[in-house]
């Protein structure tokens, strides 16, 4: 997952990043 600037952002929210559960 990347934002409009091409940067990944999930690492800011959960250590599992893209593989965190859906609600997160």
PDBML (XML) file of the C-alpha atoms, coordinates in Angstrom:
<?xml version="1.0" encoding="UTF-8" ?>
<PDBx:datablock datablockName="MODEL"
   xmlns:PDBx="http://pdbml.pdb.org/schema/pdbx-v50.xsd"
   xmlns:xsi="http://www.w3.org/2001/XMLSchema-instance"
   xsi:schemaLocation="http://pdbml.pdb.org/schema/pdbx-v50.xsd pdbx-v50.xsd">
   <PDBx:atom_siteCategory>
      <PDBx:atom_site id="1">
         <PDBx:B_iso_or_equiv>0.00</PDBx:B_iso_or_equiv>
         <PDBx:Cartn_x>0.000</PDBx:Cartn_x>
         <PDBx:Cartn_y>0.000</PDBx:Cartn_y>
         <PDBx:Cartn_z>0.000</PDBx:Cartn_z>
         <PDBx:auth_asym_id>A</PDBx:auth_asym_id>
         <PDBx:auth_atom_id>CA</PDBx:auth_atom_id>
         <PDBx:auth_comp_id>UNK</PDBx:auth_comp_id>
         <PDBx:auth_seq_id>1</PDBx:auth_seq_id>
         <PDBx:group_PDB>ATOM</PDBx:group_PDB>
         <PDBx:label_alt_id xsi:nil="true" />
         <PDBx:label_asym_id>A</PDBx:label_asym_id>
         <PDBx:label_atom_id>CA</PDBx:label_atom_id>
         <PDBx:label_comp_id>UNK</PDBx:label_comp_id>
         <PDBx:label_entity_id>1</PDBx:label_entity_id>
         <PDBx:label_seq_id>1</PDBx:label_seq_id>
         <PDBx:occupancy>1.00</PDBx:occupancy>
         <PDBx:pdbx_PDB_model_num>1</PDBx:pdbx_PDB_model_num>
         <PDBx:type_symbol>C</PDBx:type_symbol>
      </PDBx:atom_site>
      <PDBx:atom_site id="2">
         <PDBx:B_iso_or_equiv>0.00</PDBx:B_iso_or_equiv>
         <PDBx:Cartn_x>1.332</PDBx:Cartn_x>
         <PDBx:Cartn_y>3.434</PDBx:Cartn_y>
         <PDBx:Cartn_z>-0.973</PDBx:Cartn_z>
         <PDBx:auth_asym_id>A</PDBx:auth_asym_id>
         <PDBx:auth_atom_id>CA</PDBx:auth_atom_id>
         <PDBx:auth_comp_id>UNK</PDBx:auth_comp_id>
         <PDBx:auth_seq_id>2</PDBx:auth_seq_id>
         <PDBx:group_PDB>ATOM</PDBx:group_PDB>
         <PDBx:label_alt_id xsi:nil="true" />
         <PDBx:label_asym_id>A</PDBx:label_asym_id>
         <PDBx:label_atom_id>CA</PDBx:label_atom_id>
         <PDBx:label_comp_id>UNK</PDBx:label_comp_id>
         <PDBx:label_entity_id>1</PDBx:label_entity_id>
         <PDBx:label_seq_id>2</PDBx:label_seq_id>
         <PDBx:occupancy>1.00</PDBx:occupancy>
         <PDBx:pdbx_PDB_model_num>1</PDBx:pdbx_PDB_model_num>
         <PDBx:type_symbol>C</PDBx:type_symbol>
      </PDBx:atom_site>
      <PDBx:atom_site id="3">
         <PDBx:B_iso_or_equiv>0.00</PDBx:B_iso_or_equiv>
         <PDBx:Cartn_x>-0.042</PDBx:Cartn_x>
         <PDBx:Cartn_y>6.954</PDBx:Cartn_y>
         <PDBx:Cartn_z>-0.738</PDBx:Cartn_z>
         <PDBx:auth_asym_id>A</PDBx:auth_asym_id>
         <PDBx:auth_atom_id>CA</PDBx:auth_atom_id>
         <PDBx:auth_comp_id>UNK</PDBx:auth_comp_id>
         <PDBx:auth_seq_id>3</PDBx:auth_seq_id>
         <PDBx:group_PDB>ATOM</PDBx:group_PDB>
         <PDBx:label_alt_id xsi:nil="true" />
         <PDBx:label_asym_id>A</PDBx:label_asym_id>
         <PDBx:label_atom_id>CA</PDBx:label_atom_id>
         <PDBx:label_comp_id>UNK</PDBx:label_comp_id>
         <PDBx:label_entity_id>1</PDBx:label_entity_id>
         <PDBx:label_seq_id>3</PDBx:label_seq_id>
         <PDBx:occupancy>1.00</PDBx:occupancy>
         <PDBx:pdbx_PDB_model_num>1</PDBx:pdbx_PDB_model_num>
         <PDBx:type_symbol>C</PDBx:type_symbol>
      </PDBx:atom_site>
      <PDBx:atom_site id="4">
         <PDBx:B_iso_or_equiv>0.00</PDBx:B_iso_or_equiv>
         <PDBx:Cartn_x>-0.387</PDBx:Cartn_x>
         <PDBx:Cartn_y>9.499</PDBx:Cartn_y>
         <PDBx:Cartn_z>-3.534</PDBx:Cartn_z>
         <PDBx:auth_asym_id>A</PDBx:auth_asym_id>
         <PDBx:auth_atom_id>CA</PDBx:auth_atom_id>
         <PDBx:auth_comp_id>UNK</PDBx:auth_comp_id>
         <PDBx:auth_seq_id>4</PDBx:auth_seq_id>
         <PDBx:group_PDB>ATOM</PDBx:group_PDB>
         <PDBx:label_alt_id xsi:nil="true" />
         <PDBx:label_asym_id>A</PDBx:label_asym_id>
         <PDBx:label_atom_id>CA</PDBx:label_atom_id>
         <PDBx:label_comp_id>UNK</PDBx:label_comp_id>
         <PDBx:label_entity_id>1</PDBx:label_entity_id>
         <PDBx:label_seq_id>4</PDBx:label_seq_id>
         <PDBx:occupancy>1.00</PDBx:occupancy>
         <PDBx:pdbx_PDB_model_num>1</PDBx:pdbx_PDB_model_num>
         <PDBx:type_symbol>C</PDBx:type_symbol>
      </PDBx:atom_site>
      <PDBx:atom_site id="5">
         <PDBx:B_iso_or_equiv>0.00</PDBx:B_iso_or_equiv>
         <PDBx:Cartn_x>3.306</PDBx:Cartn_x>
         <PDBx:Cartn_y>10.335</PDBx:Cartn_y>
         <PDBx:Cartn_z>-3.211</PDBx:Cartn_z>
         <PDBx:auth_asym_id>A</PDBx:auth_asym_id>
         <PDBx:auth_atom_id>CA</PDBx:auth_atom_id>
         <PDBx:auth_comp_id>UNK</PDBx:auth_comp_id>
         <PDBx:auth_seq_id>5</PDBx:auth_seq_id>
         <PDBx:group_PDB>ATOM</PDBx:group_PDB>
         <PDBx:label_alt_id xsi:nil="true" />
         <PDBx:label_asym_id>A</PDBx:label_asym_id>
         <PDBx:label_atom_id>CA</PDBx:label_atom_id>
         <PDBx:label_comp_id>UNK</PDBx:label_comp_id>
         <PDBx:label_entity_id>1</PDBx:label_entity_id>
         <PDBx:label_seq_id>5</PDBx:label_seq_id>
         <PDBx:occupancy>1.00</PDBx:occupancy>
         <PDBx:pdbx_PDB_model_num>1</PDBx:pdbx_PDB_model_num>
         <PDBx:type_symbol>C</PDBx:type_symbol>
      </PDBx:atom_site>
      <PDBx:atom_site id="6">
         <PDBx:B_iso_or_equiv>0.00</PDBx:B_iso_or_equiv>
         <PDBx:Cartn_x>4.347</PDBx:Cartn_x>
         <PDBx:Cartn_y>6.731</PDBx:Cartn_y>
         <PDBx:Cartn_z>-3.692</PDBx:Cartn_z>
         <PDBx:auth_asym_id>A</PDBx:auth_asym_id>
         <PDBx:auth_atom_id>CA</PDBx:auth_atom_id>
         <PDBx:auth_comp_id>UNK</PDBx:auth_comp_id>
         <PDBx:auth_seq_id>6</PDBx:auth_seq_id>
         <PDBx:group_PDB>ATOM</PDBx:group_PDB>
         <PDBx:label_alt_id xsi:nil="true" />
         <PDBx:label_asym_id>A</PDBx:label_asym_id>
         <PDBx:label_atom_id>CA</PDBx:label_atom_id>
         <PDBx:label_comp_id>UNK</PDBx:label_comp_id>
         <PDBx:label_entity_id>1</PDBx:label_entity_id>
         <PDBx:label_seq_id>6</PDBx:label_seq_id>
         <PDBx:occupancy>1.00</PDBx:occupancy>
         <PDBx:pdbx_PDB_model_num>1</PDBx:pdbx_PDB_model_num>
         <PDBx:type_symbol>C</PDBx:type_symbol>
      </PDBx:atom_site>
      <PDBx:atom_site id="7">
         <PDBx:B_iso_or_equiv>0.00</PDBx:B_iso_or_equiv>
         <PDBx:Cartn_x>5.311</PDBx:Cartn_x>
         <PDBx:Cartn_y>6.204</PDBx:Cartn_y>
         <PDBx:Cartn_z>-0.036</PDBx:Cartn_z>
         <PDBx:auth_asym_id>A</PDBx:auth_asym_id>
         <PDBx:auth_atom_id>CA</PDBx:auth_atom_id>
         <PDBx:auth_comp_id>UNK</PDBx:auth_comp_id>
         <PDBx:auth_seq_id>7</PDBx:auth_seq_id>
         <PDBx:group_PDB>ATOM</PDBx:group_PDB>
         <PDBx:label_alt_id xsi:nil="true" />
         <PDBx:label_asym_id>A</PDBx:label_asym_id>
         <PDBx:label_atom_id>CA</PDBx:label_atom_id>
         <PDBx:label_comp_id>UNK</PDBx:label_comp_id>
         <PDBx:label_entity_id>1</PDBx:label_entity_id>
         <PDBx:label_seq_id>7</PDBx:label_seq_id>
         <PDBx:occupancy>1.00</PDBx:occupancy>
         <PDBx:pdbx_PDB_model_num>1</PDBx:pdbx_PDB_model_num>
         <PDBx:type_symbol>C</PDBx:type_symbol>
      </PDBx:atom_site>
      <PDBx:atom_site id="8">
         <PDBx:B_iso_or_equiv>0.00</PDBx:B_iso_or_equiv>
         <PDBx:Cartn_x>4.379</PDBx:Cartn_x>
         <PDBx:Cartn_y>3.219</PDBx:Cartn_y>
         <PDBx:Cartn_z>2.123</PDBx:Cartn_z>
         <PDBx:auth_asym_id>A</PDBx:auth_asym_id>
         <PDBx:auth_atom_id>CA</PDBx:auth_atom_id>
         <PDBx:auth_comp_id>UNK</PDBx:auth_comp_id>
         <PDBx:auth_seq_id>8</PDBx:auth_seq_id>
         <PDBx:group_PDB>ATOM</PDBx:group_PDB>
         <PDBx:label_alt_id xsi:nil="true" />
         <PDBx:label_asym_id>A</PDBx:label_asym_id>
         <PDBx:label_atom_id>CA</PDBx:label_atom_id>
         <PDBx:label_comp_id>UNK</PDBx:label_comp_id>
         <PDBx:label_entity_id>1</PDBx:label_entity_id>
         <PDBx:label_seq_id>8</PDBx:label_seq_id>
         <PDBx:occupancy>1.00</PDBx:occupancy>
         <PDBx:pdbx_PDB_model_num>1</PDBx:pdbx_PDB_model_num>
         <PDBx:type_symbol>C</PDBx:type_symbol>
      </PDBx:atom_site>
      <PDBx:atom_site id="9">
         <PDBx:B_iso_or_equiv>0.00</PDBx:B_iso_or_equiv>
         <PDBx:Cartn_x>2.389</PDBx:Cartn_x>
         <PDBx:Cartn_y>4.190</PDBx:Cartn_y>
         <PDBx:Cartn_z>5.199</PDBx:Cartn_z>
         <PDBx:auth_asym_id>A</PDBx:auth_asym_id>
         <PDBx:auth_atom_id>CA</PDBx:auth_atom_id>
         <PDBx:auth_comp_id>UNK</PDBx:auth_comp_id>
         <PDBx:auth_seq_id>9</PDBx:auth_seq_id>
         <PDBx:group_PDB>ATOM</PDBx:group_PDB>
         <PDBx:label_alt_id xsi:nil="true" />
         <PDBx:label_asym_id>A</PDBx:label_asym_id>
         <PDBx:label_atom_id>CA</PDBx:label_atom_id>
         <PDBx:label_comp_id>UNK</PDBx:label_comp_id>
         <PDBx:label_entity_id>1</PDBx:label_entity_id>
         <PDBx:label_seq_id>9</PDBx:label_seq_id>
         <PDBx:occupancy>1.00</PDBx:occupancy>
         <PDBx:pdbx_PDB_model_num>1</PDBx:pdbx_PDB_model_num>
         <PDBx:type_symbol>C</PDBx:type_symbol>
      </PDBx:atom_site>
      <PDBx:atom_site id="10">
         <PDBx:B_iso_or_equiv>0.00</PDBx:B_iso_or_equiv>
         <PDBx:Cartn_x>1.210</PDBx:Cartn_x>
         <PDBx:Cartn_y>1.047</PDBx:Cartn_y>
         <PDBx:Cartn_z>7.019</PDBx:Cartn_z>
         <PDBx:auth_asym_id>A</PDBx:auth_asym_id>
         <PDBx:auth_atom_id>CA</PDBx:auth_atom_id>
         <PDBx:auth_comp_id>UNK</PDBx:auth_comp_id>
         <PDBx:auth_seq_id>10</PDBx:auth_seq_id>
         <PDBx:group_PDB>ATOM</PDBx:group_PDB>
         <PDBx:label_alt_id xsi:nil="true" />
         <PDBx:label_asym_id>A</PDBx:label_asym_id>
         <PDBx:label_atom_id>CA</PDBx:label_atom_id>
         <PDBx:label_comp_id>UNK</PDBx:label_comp_id>
         <PDBx:label_entity_id>1</PDBx:label_entity_id>
         <PDBx:label_seq_id>10</PDBx:label_seq_id>
         <PDBx:occupancy>1.00</PDBx:occupancy>
         <PDBx:pdbx_PDB_model_num>1</PDBx:pdbx_PDB_model_num>
         <PDBx:type_symbol>C</PDBx:type_symbol>
      </PDBx:atom_site>
      <PDBx:atom_site id="11">
         <PDBx:B_iso_or_equiv>0.00</PDBx:B_iso_or_equiv>
         <PDBx:Cartn_x>4.375</PDBx:Cartn_x>
         <PDBx:Cartn_y>0.842</PDBx:Cartn_y>
         <PDBx:Cartn_z>9.128</PDBx:Cartn_z>
         <PDBx:auth_asym_id>A</PDBx:auth_asym_id>
         <PDBx:auth_atom_id>CA</PDBx:auth_atom_id>
         <PDBx:auth_comp_id>UNK</PDBx:auth_comp_id>
         <PDBx:auth_seq_id>11</PDBx:auth_seq_id>
         <PDBx:group_PDB>ATOM</PDBx:group_PDB>
         <PDBx:label_alt_id xsi:nil="true" />
         <PDBx:label_asym_id>A</PDBx:label_asym_id>
         <PDBx:label_atom_id>CA</PDBx:label_atom_id>
         <PDBx:label_comp_id>UNK</PDBx:label_comp_id>
         <PDBx:label_entity_id>1</PDBx:label_entity_id>
         <PDBx:label_seq_id>11</PDBx:label_seq_id>
         <PDBx:occupancy>1.00</PDBx:occupancy>
         <PDBx:pdbx_PDB_model_num>1</PDBx:pdbx_PDB_model_num>
         <PDBx:type_symbol>C</PDBx:type_symbol>
      </PDBx:atom_site>
      <PDBx:atom_site id="12">
         <PDBx:B_iso_or_equiv>0.00</PDBx:B_iso_or_equiv>
         <PDBx:Cartn_x>3.124</PDBx:Cartn_x>
         <PDBx:Cartn_y>3.944</PDBx:Cartn_y>
         <PDBx:Cartn_z>10.971</PDBx:Cartn_z>
         <PDBx:auth_asym_id>A</PDBx:auth_asym_id>
         <PDBx:auth_atom_id>CA</PDBx:auth_atom_id>
         <PDBx:auth_comp_id>UNK</PDBx:auth_comp_id>
         <PDBx:auth_seq_id>12</PDBx:auth_seq_id>
         <PDBx:group_PDB>ATOM</PDBx:group_PDB>
         <PDBx:label_alt_id xsi:nil="true" />
         <PDBx:label_asym_id>A</PDBx:label_asym_id>
         <PDBx:label_atom_id>CA</PDBx:label_atom_id>
         <PDBx:label_comp_id>UNK</PDBx:label_comp_id>
         <PDBx:label_entity_id>1</PDBx:label_entity_id>
         <PDBx:label_seq_id>12</PDBx:label_seq_id>
         <PDBx:occupancy>1.00</PDBx:occupancy>
         <PDBx:pdbx_PDB_model_num>1</PDBx:pdbx_PDB_model_num>
         <PDBx:type_symbol>C</PDBx:type_symbol>
      </PDBx:atom_site>
      <PDBx:atom_site id="13">
         <PDBx:B_iso_or_equiv>0.00</PDBx:B_iso_or_equiv>
         <PDBx:Cartn_x>0.019</PDBx:Cartn_x>
         <PDBx:Cartn_y>2.071</PDBx:Cartn_y>
         <PDBx:Cartn_z>12.136</PDBx:Cartn_z>
         <PDBx:auth_asym_id>A</PDBx:auth_asym_id>
         <PDBx:auth_atom_id>CA</PDBx:auth_atom_id>
         <PDBx:auth_comp_id>UNK</PDBx:auth_comp_id>
         <PDBx:auth_seq_id>13</PDBx:auth_seq_id>
         <PDBx:group_PDB>ATOM</PDBx:group_PDB>
         <PDBx:label_alt_id xsi:nil="true" />
         <PDBx:label_asym_id>A</PDBx:label_asym_id>
         <PDBx:label_atom_id>CA</PDBx:label_atom_id>
         <PDBx:label_comp_id>UNK</PDBx:label_comp_id>
         <PDBx:label_entity_id>1</PDBx:label_entity_id>
         <PDBx:label_seq_id>13</PDBx:label_seq_id>
         <PDBx:occupancy>1.00</PDBx:occupancy>
         <PDBx:pdbx_PDB_model_num>1</PDBx:pdbx_PDB_model_num>
         <PDBx:type_symbol>C</PDBx:type_symbol>
      </PDBx:atom_site>
      <PDBx:atom_site id="14">
         <PDBx:B_iso_or_equiv>0.00</PDBx:B_iso_or_equiv>
         <PDBx:Cartn_x>0.896</PDBx:Cartn_x>
         <PDBx:Cartn_y>-1.583</PDBx:Cartn_y>
         <PDBx:Cartn_z>12.798</PDBx:Cartn_z>
         <PDBx:auth_asym_id>A</PDBx:auth_asym_id>
         <PDBx:auth_atom_id>CA</PDBx:auth_atom_id>
         <PDBx:auth_comp_id>UNK</PDBx:auth_comp_id>
         <PDBx:auth_seq_id>14</PDBx:auth_seq_id>
         <PDBx:group_PDB>ATOM</PDBx:group_PDB>
         <PDBx:label_alt_id xsi:nil="true" />
         <PDBx:label_asym_id>A</PDBx:label_asym_id>
         <PDBx:label_atom_id>CA</PDBx:label_atom_id>
         <PDBx:label_comp_id>UNK</PDBx:label_comp_id>
         <PDBx:label_entity_id>1</PDBx:label_entity_id>
         <PDBx:label_seq_id>14</PDBx:label_seq_id>
         <PDBx:occupancy>1.00</PDBx:occupancy>
         <PDBx:pdbx_PDB_model_num>1</PDBx:pdbx_PDB_model_num>
         <PDBx:type_symbol>C</PDBx:type_symbol>
      </PDBx:atom_site>
      <PDBx:atom_site id="15">
         <PDBx:B_iso_or_equiv>0.00</PDBx:B_iso_or_equiv>
         <PDBx:Cartn_x>4.067</PDBx:Cartn_x>
         <PDBx:Cartn_y>-3.712</PDBx:Cartn_y>
         <PDBx:Cartn_z>12.781</PDBx:Cartn_z>
         <PDBx:auth_asym_id>A</PDBx:auth_asym_id>
         <PDBx:auth_atom_id>CA</PDBx:auth_atom_id>
         <PDBx:auth_comp_id>UNK</PDBx:auth_comp_id>
         <PDBx:auth_seq_id>15</PDBx:auth_seq_id>
         <PDBx:group_PDB>ATOM</PDBx:group_PDB>
         <PDBx:label_alt_id xsi:nil="true" />
         <PDBx:label_asym_id>A</PDBx:label_asym_id>
         <PDBx:label_atom_id>CA</PDBx:label_atom_id>
         <PDBx:label_comp_id>UNK</PDBx:label_comp_id>
         <PDBx:label_entity_id>1</PDBx:label_entity_id>
         <PDBx:label_seq_id>15</PDBx:label_seq_id>
         <PDBx:occupancy>1.00</PDBx:occupancy>
         <PDBx:pdbx_PDB_model_num>1</PDBx:pdbx_PDB_model_num>
         <PDBx:type_symbol>C</PDBx:type_symbol>
      </PDBx:atom_site>
      <PDBx:atom_site id="16">
         <PDBx:B_iso_or_equiv>0.00</PDBx:B_iso_or_equiv>
         <PDBx:Cartn_x>2.304</PDBx:Cartn_x>
         <PDBx:Cartn_y>-6.260</PDBx:Cartn_y>
         <PDBx:Cartn_z>10.559</PDBx:Cartn_z>
         <PDBx:auth_asym_id>A</PDBx:auth_asym_id>
         <PDBx:auth_atom_id>CA</PDBx:auth_atom_id>
         <PDBx:auth_comp_id>UNK</PDBx:auth_comp_id>
         <PDBx:auth_seq_id>16</PDBx:auth_seq_id>
         <PDBx:group_PDB>ATOM</PDBx:group_PDB>
         <PDBx:label_alt_id xsi:nil="true" />
         <PDBx:label_asym_id>A</PDBx:label_asym_id>
         <PDBx:label_atom_id>CA</PDBx:label_atom_id>
         <PDBx:label_comp_id>UNK</PDBx:label_comp_id>
         <PDBx:label_entity_id>1</PDBx:label_entity_id>
         <PDBx:label_seq_id>16</PDBx:label_seq_id>
         <PDBx:occupancy>1.00</PDBx:occupancy>
         <PDBx:pdbx_PDB_model_num>1</PDBx:pdbx_PDB_model_num>
         <PDBx:type_symbol>C</PDBx:type_symbol>
      </PDBx:atom_site>
      <PDBx:atom_site id="17">
         <PDBx:B_iso_or_equiv>0.00</PDBx:B_iso_or_equiv>
         <PDBx:Cartn_x>1.965</PDBx:Cartn_x>
         <PDBx:Cartn_y>-3.481</PDBx:Cartn_y>
         <PDBx:Cartn_z>7.973</PDBx:Cartn_z>
         <PDBx:auth_asym_id>A</PDBx:auth_asym_id>
         <PDBx:auth_atom_id>CA</PDBx:auth_atom_id>
         <PDBx:auth_comp_id>UNK</PDBx:auth_comp_id>
         <PDBx:auth_seq_id>17</PDBx:auth_seq_id>
         <PDBx:group_PDB>ATOM</PDBx:group_PDB>
         <PDBx:label_alt_id xsi:nil="true" />
         <PDBx:label_asym_id>A</PDBx:label_asym_id>
         <PDBx:label_atom_id>CA</PDBx:label_atom_id>
         <PDBx:label_comp_id>UNK</PDBx:label_comp_id>
         <PDBx:label_entity_id>1</PDBx:label_entity_id>
         <PDBx:label_seq_id>17</PDBx:label_seq_id>
         <PDBx:occupancy>1.00</PDBx:occupancy>
         <PDBx:pdbx_PDB_model_num>1</PDBx:pdbx_PDB_model_num>
         <PDBx:type_symbol>C</PDBx:type_symbol>
      </PDBx:atom_site>
      <PDBx:atom_site id="18">
         <PDBx:B_iso_or_equiv>0.00</PDBx:B_iso_or_equiv>
         <PDBx:Cartn_x>-0.025</PDBx:Cartn_x>
         <PDBx:Cartn_y>-4.640</PDBx:Cartn_y>
         <PDBx:Cartn_z>4.901</PDBx:Cartn_z>
         <PDBx:auth_asym_id>A</PDBx:auth_asym_id>
         <PDBx:auth_atom_id>CA</PDBx:auth_atom_id>
         <PDBx:auth_comp_id>UNK</PDBx:auth_comp_id>
         <PDBx:auth_seq_id>18</PDBx:auth_seq_id>
         <PDBx:group_PDB>ATOM</PDBx:group_PDB>
         <PDBx:label_alt_id xsi:nil="true" />
         <PDBx:label_asym_id>A</PDBx:label_asym_id>
         <PDBx:label_atom_id>CA</PDBx:label_atom_id>
         <PDBx:label_comp_id>UNK</PDBx:label_comp_id>
         <PDBx:label_entity_id>1</PDBx:label_entity_id>
         <PDBx:label_seq_id>18</PDBx:label_seq_id>
         <PDBx:occupancy>1.00</PDBx:occupancy>
         <PDBx:pdbx_PDB_model_num>1</PDBx:pdbx_PDB_model_num>
         <PDBx:type_symbol>C</PDBx:type_symbol>
      </PDBx:atom_site>
      <PDBx:atom_site id="19">
         <PDBx:B_iso_or_equiv>0.00</PDBx:B_iso_or_equiv>
         <PDBx:Cartn_x>-0.852</PDBx:Cartn_x>
         <PDBx:Cartn_y>-7.922</PDBx:Cartn_y>
         <PDBx:Cartn_z>6.646</PDBx:Cartn_z>
         <PDBx:auth_asym_id>A</PDBx:auth_asym_id>
         <PDBx:auth_atom_id>CA</PDBx:auth_atom_id>
         <PDBx:auth_comp_id>UNK</PDBx:auth_comp_id>
         <PDBx:auth_seq_id>19</PDBx:auth_seq_id>
         <PDBx:group_PDB>ATOM</PDBx:group_PDB>
         <PDBx:label_alt_id xsi:nil="true" />
         <PDBx:label_asym_id>A</PDBx:label_asym_id>
         <PDBx:label_atom_id>CA</PDBx:label_atom_id>
         <PDBx:label_comp_id>UNK</PDBx:label_comp_id>
         <PDBx:label_entity_id>1</PDBx:label_entity_id>
         <PDBx:label_seq_id>19</PDBx:label_seq_id>
         <PDBx:occupancy>1.00</PDBx:occupancy>
         <PDBx:pdbx_PDB_model_num>1</PDBx:pdbx_PDB_model_num>
         <PDBx:type_symbol>C</PDBx:type_symbol>
      </PDBx:atom_site>
      <PDBx:atom_site id="20">
         <PDBx:B_iso_or_equiv>0.00</PDBx:B_iso_or_equiv>
         <PDBx:Cartn_x>-2.580</PDBx:Cartn_x>
         <PDBx:Cartn_y>-6.302</PDBx:Cartn_y>
         <PDBx:Cartn_z>9.630</PDBx:Cartn_z>
         <PDBx:auth_asym_id>A</PDBx:auth_asym_id>
         <PDBx:auth_atom_id>CA</PDBx:auth_atom_id>
         <PDBx:auth_comp_id>UNK</PDBx:auth_comp_id>
         <PDBx:auth_seq_id>20</PDBx:auth_seq_id>
         <PDBx:group_PDB>ATOM</PDBx:group_PDB>
         <PDBx:label_alt_id xsi:nil="true" />
         <PDBx:label_asym_id>A</PDBx:label_asym_id>
         <PDBx:label_atom_id>CA</PDBx:label_atom_id>
         <PDBx:label_comp_id>UNK</PDBx:label_comp_id>
         <PDBx:label_entity_id>1</PDBx:label_entity_id>
         <PDBx:label_seq_id>20</PDBx:label_seq_id>
         <PDBx:occupancy>1.00</PDBx:occupancy>
         <PDBx:pdbx_PDB_model_num>1</PDBx:pdbx_PDB_model_num>
         <PDBx:type_symbol>C</PDBx:type_symbol>
      </PDBx:atom_site>
      <PDBx:atom_site id="21">
         <PDBx:B_iso_or_equiv>0.00</PDBx:B_iso_or_equiv>
         <PDBx:Cartn_x>-6.269</PDBx:Cartn_x>
         <PDBx:Cartn_y>-7.199</PDBx:Cartn_y>
         <PDBx:Cartn_z>10.131</PDBx:Cartn_z>
         <PDBx:auth_asym_id>A</PDBx:auth_asym_id>
         <PDBx:auth_atom_id>CA</PDBx:auth_atom_id>
         <PDBx:auth_comp_id>UNK</PDBx:auth_comp_id>
         <PDBx:auth_seq_id>21</PDBx:auth_seq_id>
         <PDBx:group_PDB>ATOM</PDBx:group_PDB>
         <PDBx:label_alt_id xsi:nil="true" />
         <PDBx:label_asym_id>A</PDBx:label_asym_id>
         <PDBx:label_atom_id>CA</PDBx:label_atom_id>
         <PDBx:label_comp_id>UNK</PDBx:label_comp_id>
         <PDBx:label_entity_id>1</PDBx:label_entity_id>
         <PDBx:label_seq_id>21</PDBx:label_seq_id>
         <PDBx:occupancy>1.00</PDBx:occupancy>
         <PDBx:pdbx_PDB_model_num>1</PDBx:pdbx_PDB_model_num>
         <PDBx:type_symbol>C</PDBx:type_symbol>
      </PDBx:atom_site>
      <PDBx:atom_site id="22">
         <PDBx:B_iso_or_equiv>0.00</PDBx:B_iso_or_equiv>
         <PDBx:Cartn_x>-8.802</PDBx:Cartn_x>
         <PDBx:Cartn_y>-5.393</PDBx:Cartn_y>
         <PDBx:Cartn_z>7.964</PDBx:Cartn_z>
         <PDBx:auth_asym_id>A</PDBx:auth_asym_id>
         <PDBx:auth_atom_id>CA</PDBx:auth_atom_id>
         <PDBx:auth_comp_id>UNK</PDBx:auth_comp_id>
         <PDBx:auth_seq_id>22</PDBx:auth_seq_id>
         <PDBx:group_PDB>ATOM</PDBx:group_PDB>
         <PDBx:label_alt_id xsi:nil="true" />
         <PDBx:label_asym_id>A</PDBx:label_asym_id>
         <PDBx:label_atom_id>CA</PDBx:label_atom_id>
         <PDBx:label_comp_id>UNK</PDBx:label_comp_id>
         <PDBx:label_entity_id>1</PDBx:label_entity_id>
         <PDBx:label_seq_id>22</PDBx:label_seq_id>
         <PDBx:occupancy>1.00</PDBx:occupancy>
         <PDBx:pdbx_PDB_model_num>1</PDBx:pdbx_PDB_model_num>
         <PDBx:type_symbol>C</PDBx:type_symbol>
      </PDBx:atom_site>
      <PDBx:atom_site id="23">
         <PDBx:B_iso_or_equiv>0.00</PDBx:B_iso_or_equiv>
         <PDBx:Cartn_x>-10.155</PDBx:Cartn_x>
         <PDBx:Cartn_y>-2.948</PDBx:Cartn_y>
         <PDBx:Cartn_z>10.544</PDBx:Cartn_z>
         <PDBx:auth_asym_id>A</PDBx:auth_asym_id>
         <PDBx:auth_atom_id>CA</PDBx:auth_atom_id>
         <PDBx:auth_comp_id>UNK</PDBx:auth_comp_id>
         <PDBx:auth_seq_id>23</PDBx:auth_seq_id>
         <PDBx:group_PDB>ATOM</PDBx:group_PDB>
         <PDBx:label_alt_id xsi:nil="true" />
         <PDBx:label_asym_id>A</PDBx:label_asym_id>
         <PDBx:label_atom_id>CA</PDBx:label_atom_id>
         <PDBx:label_comp_id>UNK</PDBx:label_comp_id>
         <PDBx:label_entity_id>1</PDBx:label_entity_id>
         <PDBx:label_seq_id>23</PDBx:label_seq_id>
         <PDBx:occupancy>1.00</PDBx:occupancy>
         <PDBx:pdbx_PDB_model_num>1</PDBx:pdbx_PDB_model_num>
         <PDBx:type_symbol>C</PDBx:type_symbol>
      </PDBx:atom_site>
      <PDBx:atom_site id="24">
         <PDBx:B_iso_or_equiv>0.00</PDBx:B_iso_or_equiv>
         <PDBx:Cartn_x>-6.658</PDBx:Cartn_x>
         <PDBx:Cartn_y>-1.576</PDBx:Cartn_y>
         <PDBx:Cartn_z>11.192</PDBx:Cartn_z>
         <PDBx:auth_asym_id>A</PDBx:auth_asym_id>
         <PDBx:auth_atom_id>CA</PDBx:auth_atom_id>
         <PDBx:auth_comp_id>UNK</PDBx:auth_comp_id>
         <PDBx:auth_seq_id>24</PDBx:auth_seq_id>
         <PDBx:group_PDB>ATOM</PDBx:group_PDB>
         <PDBx:label_alt_id xsi:nil="true" />
         <PDBx:label_asym_id>A</PDBx:label_asym_id>
         <PDBx:label_atom_id>CA</PDBx:label_atom_id>
         <PDBx:label_comp_id>UNK</PDBx:label_comp_id>
         <PDBx:label_entity_id>1</PDBx:label_entity_id>
         <PDBx:label_seq_id>24</PDBx:label_seq_id>
         <PDBx:occupancy>1.00</PDBx:occupancy>
         <PDBx:pdbx_PDB_model_num>1</PDBx:pdbx_PDB_model_num>
         <PDBx:type_symbol>C</PDBx:type_symbol>
      </PDBx:atom_site>
   </PDBx:atom_siteCategory>
</PDBx:datablock>
